[in-house]
PDB file of all heavy atoms in Angstrom:
ATOM      1  N   TYR A   1      73.393  32.880  79.090  1.00  0.00           N
ATOM      2  CA  TYR A   1      73.158  34.321  79.255  1.00  0.00           C
ATOM      3  C   TYR A   1      72.130  34.812  78.247  1.00  0.00           C
ATOM      4  O   TYR A   1      71.121  35.438  78.595  1.00  0.00           O
ATOM      5  CB  TYR A   1      74.485  35.064  79.109  1.00  0.00           C
ATOM      6  CG  TYR A   1      74.365  36.558  78.907  1.00  0.00           C
ATOM      7  CD1 TYR A   1      74.152  37.405  79.988  1.00  0.00           C
ATOM      8  CD2 TYR A   1      74.489  37.115  77.631  1.00  0.00           C
ATOM      9  CE1 TYR A   1      74.051  38.780  79.802  1.00  0.00           C
ATOM     10  CE2 TYR A   1      74.398  38.478  77.442  1.00  0.00           C
ATOM     11  CZ  TYR A   1      74.173  39.311  78.524  1.00  0.00           C
ATOM     12  OH  TYR A   1      74.075  40.668  78.332  1.00  0.00           O
ATOM     13  N   HIS A   2      72.354  34.524  76.972  1.00  0.00           N
ATOM     14  CA  HIS A   2      71.401  34.943  75.947  1.00  0.00           C
ATOM     15  C   HIS A   2      70.041  34.273  76.155  1.00  0.00           C
ATOM     16  O   HIS A   2      68.994  34.915  75.999  1.00  0.00           O
ATOM     17  CB  HIS A   2      71.941  34.591  74.558  1.00  0.00           C
ATOM     18  CG  HIS A   2      73.161  35.349  74.173  1.00  0.00           C
ATOM     19  ND1 HIS A   2      73.217  36.721  74.151  1.00  0.00           N
ATOM     20  CD2 HIS A   2      74.398  34.918  73.781  1.00  0.00           C
ATOM     21  CE1 HIS A   2      74.419  37.112  73.763  1.00  0.00           C
ATOM     22  NE2 HIS A   2      75.149  36.038  73.539  1.00  0.00           N
ATOM     23  N   CYS A   3      70.068  32.999  76.494  1.00  0.00           N
ATOM     24  CA  CYS A   3      68.822  32.253  76.660  1.00  0.00           C
ATOM     25  C   CYS A   3      67.986  32.815  77.798  1.00  0.00           C
ATOM     26  O   CYS A   3      66.762  32.930  77.687  1.00  0.00           O
ATOM     27  CB  CYS A   3      69.139  30.783  76.894  1.00  0.00           C
ATOM     28  SG  CYS A   3      67.690  29.707  76.939  1.00  0.00           S
ATOM     29  N   GLN A   4      68.629  33.176  78.895  1.00  0.00           N
ATOM     30  CA  GLN A   4      67.893  33.735  80.023  1.00  0.00           C
ATOM     31  C   GLN A   4      67.221  35.048  79.654  1.00  0.00           C
ATOM     32  O   GLN A   4      66.065  35.297  80.015  1.00  0.00           O
ATOM     33  CB  GLN A   4      68.832  33.945  81.217  1.00  0.00           C
ATOM     34  CG  GLN A   4      68.230  34.705  82.393  1.00  0.00           C
ATOM     35  CD  GLN A   4      67.134  33.942  83.120  1.00  0.00           C
ATOM     36  OE1 GLN A   4      66.897  32.762  82.849  1.00  0.00           O
ATOM     37  NE2 GLN A   4      66.465  34.605  84.042  1.00  0.00           N
ATOM     38  N   ILE A   5      67.908  35.903  78.908  1.00  0.00           N
ATOM     39  CA  ILE A   5      67.355  37.210  78.543  1.00  0.00           C
ATOM     40  C   ILE A   5      66.157  37.048  77.606  1.00  0.00           C
ATOM     41  O   ILE A   5      65.143  37.740  77.753  1.00  0.00           O
ATOM     42  CB  ILE A   5      68.449  38.090  77.906  1.00  0.00           C
ATOM     43  CG1 ILE A   5      69.483  38.465  78.976  1.00  0.00           C
ATOM     44  CG2 ILE A   5      67.855  39.345  77.276  1.00  0.00           C
ATOM     45  CD1 ILE A   5      70.719  39.149  78.435  1.00  0.00           C
ATOM     46  N   VAL A   6      66.242  36.133  76.663  1.00  0.00           N
ATOM     47  CA  VAL A   6      65.180  35.980  75.669  1.00  0.00           C
ATOM     48  C   VAL A   6      64.053  35.095  76.174  1.00  0.00           C
ATOM     49  O   VAL A   6      62.875  35.385  75.954  1.00  0.00           O
ATOM     50  CB  VAL A   6      65.752  35.403  74.360  1.00  0.00           C
ATOM     51  CG1 VAL A   6      64.635  35.135  73.339  1.00  0.00           C
ATOM     52  CG2 VAL A   6      66.777  36.365  73.763  1.00  0.00           C
ATOM     53  N   GLU A   7      64.389  33.994  76.867  1.00  0.00           N
ATOM     54  CA  GLU A   7      63.403  32.962  77.149  1.00  0.00           C
ATOM     55  C   GLU A   7      63.288  32.560  78.614  1.00  0.00           C
ATOM     56  O   GLU A   7      62.194  32.251  79.081  1.00  0.00           O
ATOM     57  CB  GLU A   7      63.742  31.699  76.343  1.00  0.00           C
ATOM     58  CG  GLU A   7      63.915  31.937  74.863  1.00  0.00           C
ATOM     59  CD  GLU A   7      64.398  30.689  74.151  1.00  0.00           C
ATOM     60  OE1 GLU A   7      63.709  29.653  74.236  1.00  0.00           O
ATOM     61  OE2 GLU A   7      65.469  30.745  73.518  1.00  0.00           O
ATOM     62  N   GLY A   8      64.417  32.473  79.330  1.00  0.00           N
ATOM     63  CA  GLY A   8      64.382  31.939  80.678  1.00  0.00           C
ATOM     64  C   GLY A   8      64.151  30.436  80.684  1.00  0.00           C
ATOM     65  O   GLY A   8      64.365  29.757  79.687  1.00  0.00           O
ATOM     66  N   ASP A   9      63.716  29.908  81.839  1.00  0.00           N
ATOM     67  CA  ASP A   9      63.404  28.483  81.980  1.00  0.00           C
ATOM     68  C   ASP A   9      64.614  27.632  81.617  1.00  0.00           C
ATOM     69  O   ASP A   9      64.512  26.627  80.913  1.00  0.00           O
ATOM     70  CB  ASP A   9      62.196  28.134  81.106  1.00  0.00           C
ATOM     71  CG  ASP A   9      61.471  26.877  81.569  1.00  0.00           C
ATOM     72  OD1 ASP A   9      61.623  26.500  82.749  1.00  0.00           O
ATOM     73  OD2 ASP A   9      60.766  26.271  80.738  1.00  0.00           O
ATOM     74  N   LEU A  10      65.795  28.021  82.126  1.00  0.00           N
ATOM     75  CA  LEU A  10      67.043  27.425  81.670  1.00  0.00           C
ATOM     76  C   LEU A  10      67.145  25.945  81.998  1.00  0.00           C
ATOM     77  O   LEU A  10      67.575  25.143  81.155  1.00  0.00           O
ATOM     78  CB  LEU A  10      68.230  28.171  82.287  1.00  0.00           C
ATOM     79  CG  LEU A  10      68.361  29.652  81.923  1.00  0.00           C
ATOM     80  CD1 LEU A  10      69.577  30.256  82.618  1.00  0.00           C
ATOM     81  CD2 LEU A  10      68.462  29.828  80.418  1.00  0.00           C
ATOM     82  N   ALA A  11      66.777  25.569  83.212  1.00  0.00           N
ATOM     83  CA  ALA A  11      66.935  24.171  83.602  1.00  0.00           C
ATOM     84  C   ALA A  11      66.104  23.258  82.714  1.00  0.00           C
ATOM     85  O   ALA A  11      66.566  22.191  82.278  1.00  0.00           O
ATOM     86  CB  ALA A  11      66.563  23.991  85.069  1.00  0.00           C
ATOM     87  N   MET A  12      64.878  23.659  82.443  1.00  0.00           N
ATOM     88  CA  MET A  12      64.024  22.814  81.615  1.00  0.00           C
ATOM     89  C   MET A  12      64.522  22.764  80.171  1.00  0.00           C
ATOM     90  O   MET A  12      64.393  21.737  79.499  1.00  0.00           O
ATOM     91  CB  MET A  12      62.579  23.301  81.672  1.00  0.00           C
ATOM     92  CG  MET A  12      61.960  23.201  83.060  1.00  0.00           C
ATOM     93  SD  MET A  12      62.130  21.546  83.799  1.00  0.00           S
ATOM     94  CE  MET A  12      61.115  20.571  82.681  1.00  0.00           C
ATOM     95  N   LYS A  13      65.110  23.858  79.695  1.00  0.00           N
ATOM     96  CA  LYS A  13      65.663  23.819  78.337  1.00  0.00           C
ATOM     97  C   LYS A  13      66.891  22.911  78.275  1.00  0.00           C
ATOM     98  O   LYS A  13      67.088  22.195  77.283  1.00  0.00           O
ATOM     99  CB  LYS A  13      65.974  25.232  77.866  1.00  0.00           C
ATOM    100  CG  LYS A  13      64.701  25.999  77.491  1.00  0.00           C
ATOM    101  CD  LYS A  13      64.983  27.350  76.920  1.00  0.00           C
ATOM    102  CE  LYS A  13      63.679  27.948  76.369  1.00  0.00           C
ATOM    103  NZ  LYS A  13      62.625  28.058  77.396  1.00  0.00           N
ATOM    104  N   LEU A  14      67.713  22.937  79.312  1.00  0.00           N
ATOM    105  CA  LEU A  14      68.833  22.003  79.350  1.00  0.00           C
ATOM    106  C   LEU A  14      68.333  20.567  79.373  1.00  0.00           C
ATOM    107  O   LEU A  14      68.859  19.694  78.660  1.00  0.00           O
ATOM    108  CB  LEU A  14      69.717  22.282  80.566  1.00  0.00           C
ATOM    109  CG  LEU A  14      70.556  23.554  80.504  1.00  0.00           C
ATOM    110  CD1 LEU A  14      71.205  23.830  81.855  1.00  0.00           C
ATOM    111  CD2 LEU A  14      71.627  23.459  79.414  1.00  0.00           C
ATOM    112  N   ARG A  15      67.325  20.303  80.178  1.00  0.00           N
ATOM    113  CA  ARG A  15      66.773  18.943  80.238  1.00  0.00           C
ATOM    114  C   ARG A  15      66.166  18.529  78.897  1.00  0.00           C
ATOM    115  O   ARG A  15      66.214  17.359  78.516  1.00  0.00           O
ATOM    116  CB  ARG A  15      65.711  18.854  81.335  1.00  0.00           C
ATOM    117  CG  ARG A  15      66.270  18.950  82.749  1.00  0.00           C
ATOM    118  CD  ARG A  15      65.192  18.704  83.792  1.00  0.00           C
ATOM    119  NE  ARG A  15      65.707  18.870  85.143  1.00  0.00           N
ATOM    120  CZ  ARG A  15      66.373  17.938  85.812  1.00  0.00           C
ATOM    121  NH1 ARG A  15      66.599  16.756  85.233  1.00  0.00           N
ATOM    122  NH2 ARG A  15      66.794  18.156  87.039  1.00  0.00           N
ATOM    123  N   ARG A  16      65.623  19.475  78.187  1.00  0.00           N
ATOM    124  CA  ARG A  16      65.008  19.162  76.896  1.00  0.00           C
ATOM    125  C   ARG A  16      66.035  18.908  75.806  1.00  0.00           C
ATOM    126  O   ARG A  16      65.928  17.950  75.031  1.00  0.00           O
ATOM    127  CB  ARG A  16      64.075  20.294  76.469  1.00  0.00           C
ATOM    128  CG  ARG A  16      63.463  20.088  75.088  1.00  0.00           C
ATOM    129  CD  ARG A  16      62.522  21.218  74.712  1.00  0.00           C
ATOM    130  NE  ARG A  16      61.961  21.014  73.378  1.00  0.00           N
ATOM    131  CZ  ARG A  16      61.147  21.870  72.769  1.00  0.00           C
ATOM    132  NH1 ARG A  16      60.785  23.000  73.386  1.00  0.00           N
ATOM    133  NH2 ARG A  16      60.689  21.613  71.560  1.00  0.00           N
ATOM    134  N   TYR A  17      67.057  19.771  75.725  1.00  0.00           N
ATOM    135  CA  TYR A  17      67.915  19.759  74.550  1.00  0.00           C
ATOM    136  C   TYR A  17      69.201  18.948  74.707  1.00  0.00           C
ATOM    137  O   TYR A  17      69.707  18.410  73.714  1.00  0.00           O
ATOM    138  CB  TYR A  17      68.251  21.185  74.141  1.00  0.00           C
ATOM    139  CG  TYR A  17      67.068  21.951  73.611  1.00  0.00           C
ATOM    140  CD1 TYR A  17      66.632  23.140  74.211  1.00  0.00           C
ATOM    141  CD2 TYR A  17      66.352  21.490  72.512  1.00  0.00           C
ATOM    142  CE1 TYR A  17      65.538  23.838  73.724  1.00  0.00           C
ATOM    143  CE2 TYR A  17      65.257  22.183  72.018  1.00  0.00           C
ATOM    144  CZ  TYR A  17      64.854  23.358  72.630  1.00  0.00           C
ATOM    145  OH  TYR A  17      63.769  24.046  72.138  1.00  0.00           O
ATOM    146  N   LEU A  18      69.768  18.851  75.905  1.00  0.00           N
ATOM    147  CA  LEU A  18      71.037  18.147  76.027  1.00  0.00           C
ATOM    148  C   LEU A  18      70.941  16.663  75.686  1.00  0.00           C
ATOM    149  O   LEU A  18      71.823  16.135  74.999  1.00  0.00           O
ATOM    150  CB  LEU A  18      71.624  18.341  77.433  1.00  0.00           C
ATOM    151  CG  LEU A  18      72.812  19.309  77.463  1.00  0.00           C
ATOM    152  CD1 LEU A  18      72.350  20.726  77.152  1.00  0.00           C
ATOM    153  CD2 LEU A  18      73.497  19.268  78.814  1.00  0.00           C
ATOM    154  N   PRO A  19      69.902  15.961  76.123  1.00  0.00           N
ATOM    155  CA  PRO A  19      69.876  14.521  75.819  1.00  0.00           C
ATOM    156  C   PRO A  19      69.810  14.207  74.332  1.00  0.00           C
ATOM    157  O   PRO A  19      70.182  13.104  73.917  1.00  0.00           O
ATOM    158  CB  PRO A  19      68.604  14.041  76.552  1.00  0.00           C
ATOM    159  CG  PRO A  19      68.426  15.011  77.676  1.00  0.00           C
ATOM    160  CD  PRO A  19      68.835  16.326  77.083  1.00  0.00           C
ATOM    161  N   GLY A  20      69.373  15.134  73.507  1.00  0.00           N
ATOM    162  CA  GLY A  20      69.298  14.885  72.073  1.00  0.00           C
ATOM    163  C   GLY A  20      70.632  14.908  71.362  1.00  0.00           C
ATOM    164  O   GLY A  20      70.722  14.517  70.193  1.00  0.00           O
ATOM    165  N   GLY A  21      71.666  15.406  72.027  1.00  0.00           N
ATOM    166  CA  GLY A  21      72.997  15.418  71.441  1.00  0.00           C
ATOM    167  C   GLY A  21      73.268  16.558  70.474  1.00  0.00           C
ATOM    168  O   GLY A  21      74.314  16.573  69.826  1.00  0.00           O
ATOM    169  N   ASN A  22      72.342  17.508  70.384  1.00  0.00           N
ATOM    170  CA  ASN A  22      72.520  18.598  69.425  1.00  0.00           C
ATOM    171  C   ASN A  22      73.041  19.886  70.043  1.00  0.00           C
ATOM    172  O   ASN A  22      73.076  20.913  69.368  1.00  0.00           O
ATOM    173  CB  ASN A  22      71.203  18.871  68.697  1.00  0.00           C
ATOM    174  CG  ASN A  22      70.881  17.802  67.668  1.00  0.00           C
ATOM    175  OD1 ASN A  22      71.778  17.153  67.148  1.00  0.00           O
ATOM    176  ND2 ASN A  22      69.600  17.610  67.394  1.00  0.00           N
ATOM    177  N   VAL A  23      73.428  19.865  71.318  1.00  0.00           N
ATOM    178  CA  VAL A  23      74.094  21.010  71.946  1.00  0.00           C
ATOM    179  C   VAL A  23      75.593  20.737  71.908  1.00  0.00           C
ATOM    180  O   VAL A  23      76.083  19.796  72.533  1.00  0.00           O
ATOM    181  CB  VAL A  23      73.615  21.232  73.386  1.00  0.00           C
ATOM    182  CG1 VAL A  23      74.431  22.338  74.061  1.00  0.00           C
ATOM    183  CG2 VAL A  23      72.130  21.593  73.404  1.00  0.00           C
ATOM    184  N   GLY A  24      76.317  21.557  71.176  1.00  0.00           N
ATOM    185  CA  GLY A  24      77.739  21.329  71.004  1.00  0.00           C
ATOM    186  C   GLY A  24      78.629  22.111  71.947  1.00  0.00           C
ATOM    187  O   GLY A  24      79.813  21.778  72.097  1.00  0.00           O
ATOM    188  N   HIS A  25      78.093  23.152  72.580  1.00  0.00           N
ATOM    189  CA  HIS A  25      78.909  23.988  73.467  1.00  0.00           C
ATOM    190  C   HIS A  25      77.963  24.822  74.316  1.00  0.00           C
ATOM    191  O   HIS A  25      76.864  25.176  73.866  1.00  0.00           O
ATOM    192  CB  HIS A  25      79.821  24.902  72.647  1.00  0.00           C
ATOM    193  CG  HIS A  25      80.865  25.632  73.439  1.00  0.00           C
ATOM    194  ND1 HIS A  25      81.845  24.991  74.161  1.00  0.00           N
ATOM    195  CD2 HIS A  25      81.093  26.962  73.621  1.00  0.00           C
ATOM    196  CE1 HIS A  25      82.629  25.891  74.737  1.00  0.00           C
ATOM    197  NE2 HIS A  25      82.188  27.090  74.421  1.00  0.00           N
ATOM    198  N   ILE A  26      78.398  25.125  75.537  1.00  0.00           N
ATOM    199  CA  ILE A  26      77.615  25.945  76.461  1.00  0.00           C
ATOM    200  C   ILE A  26      78.471  27.120  76.904  1.00  0.00           C
ATOM    201  O   ILE A  26      79.690  26.990  77.086  1.00  0.00           O
ATOM    202  CB  ILE A  26      77.139  25.106  77.663  1.00  0.00           C
ATOM    203  CG1 ILE A  26      76.039  24.138  77.219  1.00  0.00           C
ATOM    204  CG2 ILE A  26      76.631  25.994  78.804  1.00  0.00           C
ATOM    205  CD1 ILE A  26      75.593  23.171  78.274  1.00  0.00           C
ATOM    206  N   GLN A  27      77.837  28.280  77.053  1.00  0.00           N
ATOM    207  CA  GLN A  27      78.519  29.463  77.572  1.00  0.00           C
ATOM    208  C   GLN A  27      77.693  30.080  78.693  1.00  0.00           C
ATOM    209  O   GLN A  27      76.477  29.855  78.792  1.00  0.00           O
ATOM    210  CB  GLN A  27      78.735  30.492  76.457  1.00  0.00           C
ATOM    211  CG  GLN A  27      79.734  30.027  75.399  1.00  0.00           C
ATOM    212  CD  GLN A  27      79.871  31.003  74.257  1.00  0.00           C
ATOM    213  OE1 GLN A  27      78.894  31.551  73.759  1.00  0.00           O
ATOM    214  NE2 GLN A  27      81.100  31.221  73.806  1.00  0.00           N
ATOM    215  N   ILE A  28      78.356  30.876  79.532  1.00  0.00           N
ATOM    216  CA  ILE A  28      77.712  31.469  80.701  1.00  0.00           C
ATOM    217  C   ILE A  28      78.160  32.910  80.892  1.00  0.00           C
ATOM    218  O   ILE A  28      79.220  33.329  80.423  1.00  0.00           O
ATOM    219  CB  ILE A  28      78.031  30.684  81.992  1.00  0.00           C
ATOM    220  CG1 ILE A  28      79.556  30.609  82.217  1.00  0.00           C
ATOM    221  CG2 ILE A  28      77.389  29.296  81.954  1.00  0.00           C
ATOM    222  CD1 ILE A  28      79.964  30.116  83.587  1.00  0.00           C
ATOM    223  N   ALA A  29      77.333  33.651  81.619  1.00  0.00           N
ATOM    224  CA  ALA A  29      77.658  34.975  82.158  1.00  0.00           C
ATOM    225  C   ALA A  29      76.533  35.353  83.105  1.00  0.00           C
ATOM    226  O   ALA A  29      75.402  34.871  82.973  1.00  0.00           O
ATOM    227  CB  ALA A  29      77.793  36.020  81.048  1.00  0.00           C
TER     228      ALA A  29
END
């Protein structure tokens, strides 16, 4: 939710950051 408001491009950010192992939790709205 916060990411979409500030930056967007959610799918590509997930593809970028999740494989690195540094995302500890995800939230939605």
